[in-house]
């Protein structure tokens, strides 16, 4: 299997590109399937299928959103201080609320 440096080098399908473009939006660190569906105009099933098809470009947050939904981002976004803070904060809140 060839190694691609970025999703732009690999994803040609316009429907799939919509999902990746929504994930790349700098306004968001992580996105839910519902948010991606709303932004792209694609069904949640289509969005989920795209996310599952390209695990080499997508990563799931270890911590869900406040409503318990899975969160996704591009692997190319990497983790930064903001992500570390969000993950740590979510863990602490969850640990102290039980």
N, C-alpha and C. Protein backbone atom coordinates (compact mmCIF):
# COMPACT_ATOMS: atom_id res chain seq x y z
N UNK A 1 0.84 -1.18 0.00
CA UNK A 1 0.00 0.00 0.00
C UNK A 1 0.89 1.24 0.00
N UNK A 2 0.62 2.19 -0.90
CA UNK A 2 1.46 3.39 -0.95
C UNK A 2 1.27 4.26 0.29
N UNK A 3 2.30 5.01 0.62
CA UNK A 3 2.23 5.93 1.75
C UNK A 3 1.96 7.33 1.19
N UNK A 4 0.94 7.98 1.73
CA UNK A 4 0.57 9.32 1.30
C UNK A 4 0.90 10.31 2.40
N UNK A 5 1.39 11.45 2.00
CA UNK A 5 1.76 12.47 2.97
C UNK A 5 0.53 13.19 3.54
N UNK A 6 -0.49 13.33 2.75
CA UNK A 6 -1.69 14.01 3.23
C UNK A 6 -2.92 13.46 2.53
N UNK A 7 -4.06 13.76 3.11
CA UNK A 7 -5.30 13.28 2.50
C UNK A 7 -5.50 13.91 1.13
N UNK A 8 -5.01 15.15 0.93
CA UNK A 8 -5.18 15.81 -0.37
C UNK A 8 -4.51 15.04 -1.50
N UNK A 9 -3.43 14.30 -1.18
CA UNK A 9 -2.72 13.51 -2.18
C UNK A 9 -3.47 12.24 -2.55
N UNK A 10 -4.41 11.84 -1.72
CA UNK A 10 -5.04 10.54 -1.87
C UNK A 10 -6.53 10.59 -2.19
N UNK A 11 -7.26 11.49 -1.58
CA UNK A 11 -8.72 11.52 -1.70
C UNK A 11 -9.11 12.33 -2.94
N UNK A 12 -9.75 11.66 -3.88
CA UNK A 12 -10.20 12.32 -5.11
C UNK A 12 -11.72 12.44 -5.19
N UNK A 13 -12.43 11.54 -4.53
CA UNK A 13 -13.89 11.54 -4.58
C UNK A 13 -14.44 12.83 -3.95
N UNK A 14 -15.26 13.59 -4.69
CA UNK A 14 -15.77 14.87 -4.16
C UNK A 14 -16.57 14.72 -2.87
N UNK A 15 -17.32 13.65 -2.73
CA UNK A 15 -18.09 13.43 -1.50
C UNK A 15 -17.16 13.22 -0.32
N UNK A 16 -16.15 12.40 -0.50
CA UNK A 16 -15.18 12.14 0.57
C UNK A 16 -14.38 13.40 0.90
N UNK A 17 -14.05 14.18 -0.12
CA UNK A 17 -13.30 15.42 0.10
C UNK A 17 -14.08 16.39 0.99
N UNK A 18 -15.40 16.41 0.85
CA UNK A 18 -16.23 17.30 1.69
C UNK A 18 -16.00 17.00 3.17
N UNK A 19 -15.94 15.73 3.51
CA UNK A 19 -15.74 15.33 4.91
C UNK A 19 -14.36 15.80 5.37
N UNK A 20 -13.35 15.59 4.56
CA UNK A 20 -11.99 15.99 4.94
C UNK A 20 -11.85 17.50 5.02
N UNK A 21 -12.50 18.22 4.13
CA UNK A 21 -12.46 19.68 4.19
C UNK A 21 -13.13 20.19 5.47
N UNK A 22 -14.22 19.54 5.86
CA UNK A 22 -14.89 19.92 7.12
C UNK A 22 -14.00 19.60 8.32
N UNK A 23 -13.30 18.49 8.29
CA UNK A 23 -12.37 18.14 9.38
C UNK A 23 -11.21 19.12 9.45
N UNK A 24 -10.83 19.65 8.32
CA UNK A 24 -9.69 20.56 8.25
C UNK A 24 -10.02 21.98 8.71
N UNK A 25 -11.28 22.28 8.87
CA UNK A 25 -11.72 23.61 9.29
C UNK A 25 -10.98 24.02 10.56
N UNK A 26 -10.23 25.13 10.51
CA UNK A 26 -9.45 25.54 11.69
C UNK A 26 -10.29 26.01 12.87
N UNK A 27 -11.57 26.19 12.67
CA UNK A 27 -12.44 26.60 13.77
C UNK A 27 -12.68 25.49 14.78
N UNK A 28 -12.37 24.25 14.38
CA UNK A 28 -12.65 23.10 15.23
C UNK A 28 -11.41 22.24 15.39
N UNK A 29 -11.17 21.78 16.62
CA UNK A 29 -10.10 20.81 16.85
C UNK A 29 -10.62 19.41 16.53
N UNK A 30 -11.80 19.09 17.04
CA UNK A 30 -12.43 17.80 16.83
C UNK A 30 -13.86 18.02 16.37
N UNK A 31 -14.39 17.04 15.64
CA UNK A 31 -15.76 17.13 15.12
C UNK A 31 -16.53 15.86 15.43
N UNK A 32 -17.83 16.01 15.63
CA UNK A 32 -18.71 14.85 15.75
C UNK A 32 -19.21 14.47 14.36
N UNK A 33 -19.72 13.26 14.26
CA UNK A 33 -20.32 12.83 12.99
C UNK A 33 -21.50 13.74 12.67
N UNK A 34 -22.26 14.10 13.68
CA UNK A 34 -23.41 14.97 13.47
C UNK A 34 -22.99 16.34 12.92
N UNK A 35 -21.93 16.91 13.49
CA UNK A 35 -21.43 18.20 13.02
C UNK A 35 -20.91 18.12 11.59
N UNK A 36 -20.19 17.05 11.29
CA UNK A 36 -19.69 16.86 9.94
C UNK A 36 -20.83 16.69 8.95
N UNK A 37 -21.85 15.97 9.37
CA UNK A 37 -23.01 15.76 8.52
C UNK A 37 -23.70 17.09 8.21
N UNK A 38 -23.86 17.90 9.22
CA UNK A 38 -24.50 19.20 9.04
C UNK A 38 -23.69 20.10 8.11
N UNK A 39 -22.37 20.16 8.32
CA UNK A 39 -21.50 21.01 7.50
C UNK A 39 -21.42 20.57 6.05
N UNK A 40 -21.42 19.28 5.83
CA UNK A 40 -21.22 18.76 4.47
C UNK A 40 -22.52 18.54 3.71
N UNK A 41 -23.63 18.43 4.44
CA UNK A 41 -24.90 18.10 3.79
C UNK A 41 -25.03 16.62 3.47
N UNK A 42 -24.11 15.82 4.01
CA UNK A 42 -24.12 14.38 3.79
C UNK A 42 -24.80 13.69 4.96
N UNK A 43 -25.33 12.51 4.72
CA UNK A 43 -25.96 11.76 5.81
C UNK A 43 -24.90 11.32 6.82
N UNK A 44 -25.35 11.07 8.05
CA UNK A 44 -24.43 10.59 9.09
C UNK A 44 -23.80 9.26 8.68
N UNK A 45 -24.56 8.41 8.01
CA UNK A 45 -24.02 7.12 7.56
C UNK A 45 -22.89 7.30 6.55
N UNK A 46 -23.06 8.25 5.63
CA UNK A 46 -22.01 8.51 4.64
C UNK A 46 -20.76 9.05 5.33
N UNK A 47 -20.95 10.00 6.24
CA UNK A 47 -19.81 10.57 6.98
C UNK A 47 -19.09 9.48 7.75
N UNK A 48 -19.84 8.66 8.46
CA UNK A 48 -19.22 7.57 9.23
C UNK A 48 -18.46 6.62 8.32
N UNK A 49 -19.01 6.32 7.17
CA UNK A 49 -18.33 5.45 6.21
C UNK A 49 -17.01 6.02 5.74
N UNK A 50 -16.98 7.33 5.48
CA UNK A 50 -15.73 7.97 5.06
C UNK A 50 -14.71 7.92 6.18
N UNK A 51 -15.13 8.22 7.40
CA UNK A 51 -14.21 8.18 8.54
C UNK A 51 -13.62 6.78 8.73
N UNK A 52 -14.44 5.77 8.56
CA UNK A 52 -13.98 4.39 8.73
C UNK A 52 -13.11 3.92 7.57
N UNK A 53 -13.32 4.48 6.40
CA UNK A 53 -12.58 4.06 5.21
C UNK A 53 -11.12 4.52 5.23
N UNK A 54 -10.84 5.62 5.93
CA UNK A 54 -9.50 6.21 5.89
C UNK A 54 -8.87 6.36 7.28
N UNK A 55 -8.66 5.26 7.99
CA UNK A 55 -8.08 5.38 9.33
C UNK A 55 -6.66 5.96 9.34
N UNK A 56 -5.99 5.91 8.21
CA UNK A 56 -4.63 6.46 8.15
C UNK A 56 -4.62 7.99 8.21
N UNK A 57 -5.77 8.62 7.96
CA UNK A 57 -5.85 10.08 7.98
C UNK A 57 -6.70 10.63 9.12
N UNK A 58 -7.40 9.74 9.83
CA UNK A 58 -8.37 10.15 10.85
C UNK A 58 -7.97 9.57 12.20
N UNK A 59 -8.16 10.36 13.24
CA UNK A 59 -8.02 9.80 14.58
C UNK A 59 -9.20 10.22 15.44
N UNK A 60 -9.53 9.35 16.34
CA UNK A 60 -10.65 9.59 17.25
C UNK A 60 -10.11 10.05 18.59
N UNK A 61 -10.78 11.01 19.18
CA UNK A 61 -10.39 11.50 20.49
C UNK A 61 -10.60 10.41 21.52
N UNK A 62 -9.69 10.30 22.49
CA UNK A 62 -9.89 9.33 23.56
C UNK A 62 -11.02 9.73 24.50
N UNK A 63 -11.46 10.98 24.41
CA UNK A 63 -12.52 11.50 25.27
C UNK A 63 -13.68 11.94 24.39
N UNK A 64 -14.90 11.48 24.67
CA UNK A 64 -16.05 11.92 23.88
C UNK A 64 -16.46 13.35 24.23
N UNK A 65 -17.39 13.88 23.44
CA UNK A 65 -17.90 15.22 23.76
C UNK A 65 -18.81 15.14 25.00
N UNK A 66 -19.29 16.26 25.52
CA UNK A 66 -20.11 16.23 26.74
C UNK A 66 -21.38 15.38 26.62
N UNK A 67 -21.82 15.14 25.39
CA UNK A 67 -23.01 14.31 25.19
C UNK A 67 -22.67 12.84 24.94
N UNK A 68 -21.38 12.50 25.05
CA UNK A 68 -20.94 11.12 24.89
C UNK A 68 -20.69 10.69 23.46
N UNK A 69 -20.69 11.65 22.52
CA UNK A 69 -20.47 11.32 21.11
C UNK A 69 -18.98 11.27 20.79
N UNK A 70 -18.61 10.38 19.88
CA UNK A 70 -17.22 10.29 19.45
C UNK A 70 -16.82 11.56 18.72
N UNK A 71 -15.56 11.93 18.88
CA UNK A 71 -14.99 13.11 18.24
C UNK A 71 -13.85 12.68 17.32
N UNK A 72 -13.73 13.33 16.18
CA UNK A 72 -12.75 12.96 15.17
C UNK A 72 -11.97 14.19 14.71
N UNK A 73 -10.74 13.95 14.28
CA UNK A 73 -9.90 14.99 13.69
C UNK A 73 -8.96 14.34 12.69
N UNK A 74 -8.23 15.17 11.98
CA UNK A 74 -7.23 14.66 11.04
C UNK A 74 -5.96 14.31 11.80
N UNK A 75 -5.31 13.24 11.40
CA UNK A 75 -4.03 12.89 12.03
C UNK A 75 -3.01 13.99 11.81
N UNK A 76 -3.13 14.71 10.70
CA UNK A 76 -2.18 15.77 10.39
C UNK A 76 -2.30 16.97 11.34
N UNK A 77 -3.42 17.09 12.03
CA UNK A 77 -3.56 18.20 12.98
C UNK A 77 -2.70 17.96 14.22
N UNK A 78 -2.39 16.71 14.49
CA UNK A 78 -1.54 16.41 15.63
C UNK A 78 -2.17 16.84 16.94
N UNK A 79 -1.50 16.60 18.00
CA UNK A 79 -1.99 17.00 19.31
C UNK A 79 -1.16 18.17 19.81
N UNK A 80 -1.79 19.10 20.39
CA UNK A 80 -1.07 20.25 20.93
C UNK A 80 -1.47 20.49 22.36
N UNK A 81 -1.03 21.58 22.89
CA UNK A 81 -1.32 21.93 24.26
C UNK A 81 -2.82 22.07 24.49
N UNK A 82 -3.50 22.66 23.52
CA UNK A 82 -4.95 22.83 23.65
C UNK A 82 -5.66 21.48 23.74
N UNK A 83 -5.24 20.53 22.90
CA UNK A 83 -5.84 19.20 22.96
C UNK A 83 -5.51 18.51 24.28
N UNK A 84 -4.27 18.62 24.73
CA UNK A 84 -3.89 18.02 26.00
C UNK A 84 -4.75 18.59 27.13
N UNK A 85 -4.92 19.90 27.14
CA UNK A 85 -5.73 20.55 28.17
C UNK A 85 -7.17 20.05 28.13
N UNK A 86 -7.75 19.98 26.94
CA UNK A 86 -9.14 19.52 26.80
C UNK A 86 -9.31 18.09 27.29
N UNK A 87 -8.37 17.23 26.91
CA UNK A 87 -8.43 15.83 27.32
C UNK A 87 -8.28 15.70 28.83
N UNK A 88 -7.32 16.41 29.40
CA UNK A 88 -7.09 16.36 30.83
C UNK A 88 -8.29 16.91 31.59
N UNK A 89 -8.84 18.00 31.13
CA UNK A 89 -10.00 18.61 31.77
C UNK A 89 -11.19 17.64 31.75
N UNK A 90 -11.44 17.04 30.61
CA UNK A 90 -12.56 16.09 30.49
C UNK A 90 -12.36 14.90 31.42
N UNK A 91 -11.14 14.41 31.51
CA UNK A 91 -10.84 13.29 32.39
C UNK A 91 -11.09 13.66 33.85
N UNK A 92 -10.60 14.83 34.26
CA UNK A 92 -10.76 15.26 35.64
C UNK A 92 -12.23 15.46 35.98
N UNK A 93 -12.95 16.10 35.10
CA UNK A 93 -14.39 16.32 35.34
C UNK A 93 -15.12 15.00 35.47
N UNK A 94 -14.81 14.08 34.58
CA UNK A 94 -15.47 12.78 34.61
C UNK A 94 -15.10 12.02 35.90
N UNK A 95 -13.85 12.10 36.31
CA UNK A 95 -13.38 11.40 37.50
C UNK A 95 -13.99 11.96 38.77
N UNK A 96 -14.19 13.25 38.83
CA UNK A 96 -14.70 13.86 40.05
C UNK A 96 -16.22 13.89 40.11
N UNK A 97 -16.88 13.58 39.02
CA UNK A 97 -18.35 13.64 39.02
C UNK A 97 -18.99 12.30 39.38
N UNK A 98 -18.20 11.27 39.60
CA UNK A 98 -18.75 9.96 39.95
C UNK A 98 -18.70 9.70 41.42
